[in-house]
Amino acid sequence: MNNRKSIVLSSVILIILLFLPSAGISANNPKPLPESSRELTKLFCKLDFEGARLSTDSYQKSDIAKFLVPGEFESPGWDTVVLVTKYKIEKENLNDKQASVTVSYDVIGTVSSDLTVMKHKAPYTFRFKKQKNRWVMIEPYDLPQHISIDTAIKHLEGLLKIQGEVEPSTTAVIEKLKQLKRRLNKSIQPDRD
């Protein structure tokens, strides 16, 4: 009886393993990509916010390249990143062949060789086209990384550990980012009486 259960269980596992790749799931791609342009935009923004486009290594490990038009996008190479506190999907327009999704970013500044603080809202429209019955992103192909303060701090501290003080201002920028983070955290804390 145990032998029969073992054979049935093995058969079920084999069937599951055979069908996972056709569902877009594999060892290299544990979760299938979202099917809608809205959900792909949300995924792009989330991965970008977390730093997926900050280095070639993180870019290649992320799912971003899987839904961009091949040859249209290159791996990261920006000198300036945009710091954002949040992003929000504002609207989606679509038909059978094309889609656009507008995202509003709450920008707090930029980082290049120094930190520049400038709070504002920045809308961006992501454009998609259908390719082989799935949405692929075609614009904006030149959008600089939109990352969180925590992501910027972690990235710069990592570079500092690996490369040392390449730019004379790296340590100063990290400290400015930490100060900005503290100021932002204080401004969103509820009053306590």
Foldseek 3Di string as FASTA:
>chain_A
DVVVVVVVVVVVVVVCQVCQVVVVDDPLRHDHQDFDPVSLVVQVLVLLQLPCQVDQVSVVSDCQVVQADPPLADGHDDQKAWAFPDKDWDDKDDDPFKIKIKMKTFTQFMDGLATDGDTDIDIDIWMWGADPNGTHTNPDRPDHRYYHLVSVLVVLVVCCVVPNCPRVCSVVRSVVSVVVVVVVVVVPDDDDD
